[in-house]
């Protein structure tokens, strides 16, 4: 497994080690421990631009994941996370910025493992997987769900 991290924001509420640990835990949970992942931590504007370009929805969002297929060392993927959105949503929820950002990282990595959240049954499986990974990372889920990233 390899995790490459790029910070495109001044704010860095997590260490690179914490980012890597979150991604690795989610990939192991989802059965893709050999994945090669690039993580970009960006601002709202950057992620909204990507959201518009690839999903035809230019609104702000919290995380996007792209499965790029397999190549030599294993599956490749990219995860883009809005550090801004994590701060805003954490404030509204009364949660920590670090925890919210970790949730987004886990959510993105789980998408690369085949988890989805469009249908109710899939969403329930995603929530259970998120909770299990957060708990493994020492962050009890506290009943907080992913999905409040846009307003």
Foldseek 3Di string as FASTA:
>chain_A
DAEAEAEPDPDDPDDPVLLVLLLQLLCVLLVFNQEHEYEYEHAQQVVLVVCCVPVVGSFGFAKDKDFPQADDRGTYMYMYGHLHLLCVVCVVVVHDSVLSRSLRSSLRSNVNSVQDCPDPVSVVVSQVSSQVSCVVVVHHPPPDDPDPSGD
